[in-house]
Protein backbone atom coordinates (compact mmCIF):
# COMPACT_ATOMS: atom_id res chain seq x y z
CA MET A 1 12.86 -34.97 -110.83
CA GLU A 2 9.98 -35.55 -113.21
CA LYS A 3 10.98 -35.80 -116.87
CA SER A 4 9.43 -33.33 -119.27
CA ILE A 5 9.35 -33.10 -123.02
CA GLN A 6 11.82 -30.78 -124.71
CA PRO A 7 10.03 -28.12 -126.77
CA ARG A 8 10.68 -28.38 -130.51
CA ASP A 9 11.86 -24.77 -130.68
CA THR A 10 14.53 -25.23 -127.99
CA THR A 11 18.03 -26.54 -128.60
CA PRO A 12 19.29 -29.42 -126.45
CA ALA A 13 21.88 -27.11 -124.86
CA ALA A 14 19.30 -24.47 -123.97
CA TRP A 15 16.96 -27.16 -122.66
CA ALA A 16 19.71 -28.55 -120.42
CA VAL A 17 20.33 -25.08 -118.95
CA GLN A 18 16.61 -24.50 -118.36
CA ALA A 19 16.12 -27.95 -116.80
CA GLY A 20 19.15 -27.41 -114.56
CA ARG A 21 17.78 -24.09 -113.32
CA HIS A 22 14.39 -25.60 -112.59
CA HIS A 23 16.03 -28.48 -110.75
CA ALA A 24 18.01 -26.04 -108.61
CA MET A 25 14.87 -24.15 -107.52
CA SER A 26 13.28 -24.67 -104.14
CA PRO A 27 9.69 -25.97 -104.09
CA GLU A 28 8.48 -22.46 -103.20
CA GLU A 29 10.32 -20.97 -106.18
CA ARG A 30 8.80 -23.58 -108.48
CA VAL A 31 5.31 -22.75 -107.24
CA ARG A 32 5.94 -19.02 -107.72
CA LEU A 33 7.20 -19.66 -111.25
CA ALA A 34 4.20 -21.86 -112.07
CA VAL A 35 1.77 -19.22 -110.80
CA GLN A 36 3.52 -16.48 -112.78
CA MET A 37 3.54 -18.57 -115.96
CA SER A 38 -0.15 -19.36 -115.51
CA GLU A 39 -0.98 -15.67 -115.05
CA ASP A 40 1.13 -14.75 -118.09
CA ALA A 41 -0.71 -17.33 -120.21
CA ARG A 42 -4.07 -15.98 -119.04
CA LEU A 43 -3.11 -12.40 -119.88
CA ILE A 44 -1.73 -13.39 -123.29
CA SER A 45 -4.98 -15.23 -124.06
CA LEU A 46 -7.14 -12.30 -122.99
CA GLN A 47 -5.06 -9.88 -125.06
CA GLY A 48 -5.27 -12.17 -128.08
CA ILE A 49 -9.07 -12.29 -127.83
CA ALA A 50 -9.23 -8.51 -127.43
CA ASP A 51 -6.96 -8.01 -130.46
CA ARG A 52 -9.02 -10.39 -132.63
CA HIS A 53 -12.36 -8.96 -131.47
CA PRO A 54 -12.08 -5.17 -131.03
CA GLU A 55 -15.87 -4.97 -130.86
CA LEU A 56 -15.87 -6.69 -127.44
CA ASP A 57 -15.70 -4.74 -124.22
CA GLU A 58 -13.79 -6.13 -121.21
CA ARG A 59 -16.72 -8.27 -120.06
CA GLY A 60 -17.10 -9.67 -123.58
CA VAL A 61 -13.41 -10.57 -123.71
CA VAL A 62 -13.64 -12.37 -120.37
CA ALA A 63 -16.80 -14.18 -121.49
CA ALA A 64 -15.04 -15.32 -124.68
CA TYR A 65 -12.09 -16.51 -122.57
CA VAL A 66 -14.36 -18.53 -120.28
CA ARG A 67 -16.11 -19.99 -123.32
CA MET A 68 -12.74 -20.90 -124.84
CA LEU A 69 -11.62 -22.68 -121.65
CA HIS A 70 -14.86 -24.32 -120.57
CA GLY A 71 -17.18 -24.33 -123.57
CA VAL A 72 -19.85 -22.35 -121.71
CA LEU A 73 -20.54 -18.77 -120.83
CA PRO A 74 -20.53 -17.65 -117.20
CA ARG A 75 -23.94 -16.94 -115.67
CA PRO A 76 -24.89 -13.29 -115.84
CA THR A 77 -24.57 -11.48 -112.54
CA ALA A 78 -27.00 -8.92 -111.27
CA THR A 79 -25.69 -5.38 -111.41
CA THR A 80 -26.72 -2.84 -108.85
């Protein structure tokens, strides 16, 4: 199993439990967990941007998110 760094806000006992549970997961369960954690992080980021910038509509929030991740804005799309 790949070693990972213990978070500073986690006790050694809690970290051991968490690492043990991850180790016991099947590869499919690990992938599902990784996807869910990635989606959670994306939603938390979007909500944070929306909370800090109430003047932005949904498209503006997404544009700010893309800019935060990639340093550029997405190309405008034609609307019909």
